């Protein structure tokens, strides 16, 4: 199970309700159980781009938690498409 930020929900599930949906992290499926209300940014840092999974689940799936007090990951999309490419290919 996973609890996600509003930006993540909008990006992965743009057309519908993400609750009950499935996301994959390194090929492992996680069911979305909740979405945080949008908070916006603080000093230019987005507050809605996160995924929370249970700590025990993290330890089982990605290895032990020795001497770590917090975990931080950067997500990367499977594909990259620039806005310029999208607008150039859009038919008016």
C-alpha atoms as a PDB file:
ATOM      1  CA  UNK A   1       0.000   0.000   0.000  1.00  0.00           C
ATOM      2  CA  UNK A   2       1.063   3.587  -0.617  1.00  0.00           C
ATOM      3  CA  UNK A   3       0.025   7.105   0.382  1.00  0.00           C
ATOM      4  CA  UNK A   4       0.869   9.669  -2.303  1.00  0.00           C
ATOM      5  CA  UNK A   5       1.111  13.428  -2.690  1.00  0.00           C
ATOM      6  CA  UNK A   6      -1.302  15.433  -4.828  1.00  0.00           C
ATOM      7  CA  UNK A   7       1.255  16.107  -7.606  1.00  0.00           C
ATOM      8  CA  UNK A   8       2.065  12.398  -7.866  1.00  0.00           C
ATOM      9  CA  UNK A   9      -1.657  11.554  -8.034  1.00  0.00           C
ATOM     10  CA  UNK A  10      -2.270  14.136 -10.770  1.00  0.00           C
ATOM     11  CA  UNK A  11       0.719  12.946 -12.794  1.00  0.00           C
ATOM     12  CA  UNK A  12       0.046   9.205 -12.582  1.00  0.00           C
ATOM     13  CA  UNK A  13      -3.773   9.310 -12.551  1.00  0.00           C
ATOM     14  CA  UNK A  14      -4.688  12.429 -14.579  1.00  0.00           C
ATOM     15  CA  UNK A  15      -8.143  11.236 -15.571  1.00  0.00           C
ATOM     16  CA  UNK A  16      -9.509   9.693 -12.419  1.00  0.00           C
ATOM     17  CA  UNK A  17      -9.512   8.844  -8.758  1.00  0.00           C
ATOM     18  CA  UNK A  18      -6.172   7.328  -7.704  1.00  0.00           C
ATOM     19  CA  UNK A  19      -7.533   5.608  -4.583  1.00  0.00           C
ATOM     20  CA  UNK A  20      -7.518   1.886  -5.201  1.00  0.00           C
ATOM     21  CA  UNK A  21      -5.217   2.356  -8.191  1.00  0.00           C
ATOM     22  CA  UNK A  22      -1.842   0.708  -8.502  1.00  0.00           C
ATOM     23  CA  UNK A  23       1.622   2.200  -8.852  1.00  0.00           C
ATOM     24  CA  UNK A  24       4.896   0.368  -9.344  1.00  0.00           C
ATOM     25  CA  UNK A  25       8.198   1.158  -7.692  1.00  0.00           C
ATOM     26  CA  UNK A  26      11.131  -0.765  -9.130  1.00  0.00           C
ATOM     27  CA  UNK A  27       8.701  -3.254 -10.625  1.00  0.00           C
ATOM     28  CA  UNK A  28       6.829  -3.897  -7.358  1.00  0.00           C
ATOM     29  CA  UNK A  29       3.109  -3.056  -7.220  1.00  0.00           C
ATOM     30  CA  UNK A  30       1.629  -0.851  -4.480  1.00  0.00           C
ATOM     31  CA  UNK A  31      -2.071  -0.081  -4.003  1.00  0.00           C
ATOM     32  CA  UNK A  32      -2.869   3.624  -3.442  1.00  0.00           C
ATOM     33  CA  UNK A  33      -4.814   3.996  -0.173  1.00  0.00           C
ATOM     34  CA  UNK A  34      -4.806   7.773   0.135  1.00  0.00           C
ATOM     35  CA  UNK A  35      -3.838  11.117  -1.377  1.00  0.00           C
ATOM     36  CA  UNK A  36      -2.553  14.095   0.612  1.00  0.00           C
ATOM     37  CA  UNK A  37      -4.348  17.389   0.045  1.00  0.00           C
ATOM     38  CA  UNK A  38      -2.289  19.778  -2.084  1.00  0.00           C
ATOM     39  CA  UNK A  39       0.076  21.957  -0.042  1.00  0.00           C
ATOM     40  CA  UNK A  40       1.844  23.820  -2.827  1.00  0.00           C
ATOM     41  CA  UNK A  41       5.447  24.937  -2.386  1.00  0.00           C
ATOM     42  CA  UNK A  42       7.530  26.251   0.482  1.00  0.00           C
ATOM     43  CA  UNK A  43      10.423  28.486  -0.612  1.00  0.00           C
ATOM     44  CA  UNK A  44      10.055  27.029  -4.099  1.00  0.00           C
ATOM     45  CA  UNK A  45      10.240  23.411  -2.924  1.00  0.00           C
ATOM     46  CA  UNK A  46       7.194  21.323  -3.887  1.00  0.00           C
ATOM     47  CA  UNK A  47       5.457  19.639  -0.959  1.00  0.00           C
ATOM     48  CA  UNK A  48       3.198  17.341  -2.994  1.00  0.00           C
ATOM     49  CA  UNK A  49       5.709  15.076  -4.733  1.00  0.00           C
ATOM     50  CA  UNK A  50       6.038  12.112  -2.407  1.00  0.00           C
ATOM     51  CA  UNK A  51       5.095   8.466  -1.988  1.00  0.00           C
ATOM     52  CA  UNK A  52       4.890   6.921   1.473  1.00  0.00           C
ATOM     53  CA  UNK A  53       5.029   3.165   2.005  1.00  0.00           C
ATOM     54  CA  UNK A  54       5.228   1.294   5.316  1.00  0.00           C
ATOM     55  CA  UNK A  55       8.750   1.139   6.714  1.00  0.00           C
ATOM     56  CA  UNK A  56       8.591  -2.635   7.169  1.00  0.00           C
ATOM     57  CA  UNK A  57       7.502  -3.011   3.532  1.00  0.00           C
ATOM     58  CA  UNK A  58      10.430  -0.848   2.428  1.00  0.00           C
ATOM     59  CA  UNK A  59      12.867  -2.942   4.471  1.00  0.00           C
ATOM     60  CA  UNK A  60      11.498  -6.204   3.050  1.00  0.00           C
ATOM     61  CA  UNK A  61      11.503  -5.007  -0.565  1.00  0.00           C
ATOM     62  CA  UNK A  62      14.615  -2.829  -0.746  1.00  0.00           C
ATOM     63  CA  UNK A  63      16.943  -4.034   2.007  1.00  0.00           C
ATOM     64  CA  UNK A  64      17.656  -3.342   5.649  1.00  0.00           C
ATOM     65  CA  UNK A  65      17.573   0.016   7.374  1.00  0.00           C
ATOM     66  CA  UNK A  66      20.881   0.057   9.198  1.00  0.00           C
ATOM     67  CA  UNK A  67      21.973   3.469  10.531  1.00  0.00           C
ATOM     68  CA  UNK A  68      19.483   5.366   8.411  1.00  0.00           C
ATOM     69  CA  UNK A  69      17.180   7.917   9.960  1.00  0.00           C
ATOM     70  CA  UNK A  70      15.391   8.940   6.770  1.00  0.00           C
ATOM     71  CA  UNK A  71      15.062   7.806   3.191  1.00  0.00           C
ATOM     72  CA  UNK A  72      14.995   9.982   0.101  1.00  0.00           C
ATOM     73  CA  UNK A  73      14.456   8.957  -3.506  1.00  0.00           C
ATOM     74  CA  UNK A  74      14.264  10.815  -6.775  1.00  0.00           C
ATOM     75  CA  UNK A  75      11.710   9.521  -9.242  1.00  0.00           C
ATOM     76  CA  UNK A  76      12.382   9.443 -12.943  1.00  0.00           C
ATOM     77  CA  UNK A  77       9.788   8.861 -15.647  1.00  0.00           C
ATOM     78  CA  UNK A  78       9.978   5.830 -17.894  1.00  0.00           C
ATOM     79  CA  UNK A  79       9.707   8.120 -20.904  1.00  0.00           C
ATOM     80  CA  UNK A  80      10.692  11.701 -21.544  1.00  0.00           C
ATOM     81  CA  UNK A  81       8.767  14.056 -23.760  1.00  0.00           C
ATOM     82  CA  UNK A  82       9.437  17.750 -23.773  1.00  0.00           C
ATOM     83  CA  UNK A  83       6.637  20.291 -23.826  1.00  0.00           C
ATOM     84  CA  UNK A  84       8.075  21.667 -27.057  1.00  0.00           C
ATOM     85  CA  UNK A  85       7.652  18.263 -28.714  1.00  0.00           C
ATOM     86  CA  UNK A  86       4.077  17.946 -27.429  1.00  0.00           C
ATOM     87  CA  UNK A  87       3.041  21.396 -28.632  1.00  0.00           C
ATOM     88  CA  UNK A  88       4.776  20.916 -31.984  1.00  0.00           C
ATOM     89  CA  UNK A  89       2.904  17.646 -32.585  1.00  0.00           C
ATOM     90  CA  UNK A  90      -0.475  18.947 -31.420  1.00  0.00           C
ATOM     91  CA  UNK A  91      -2.993  19.418 -34.211  1.00  0.00           C
ATOM     92  CA  UNK A  92      -5.095  22.585 -34.005  1.00  0.00           C
END
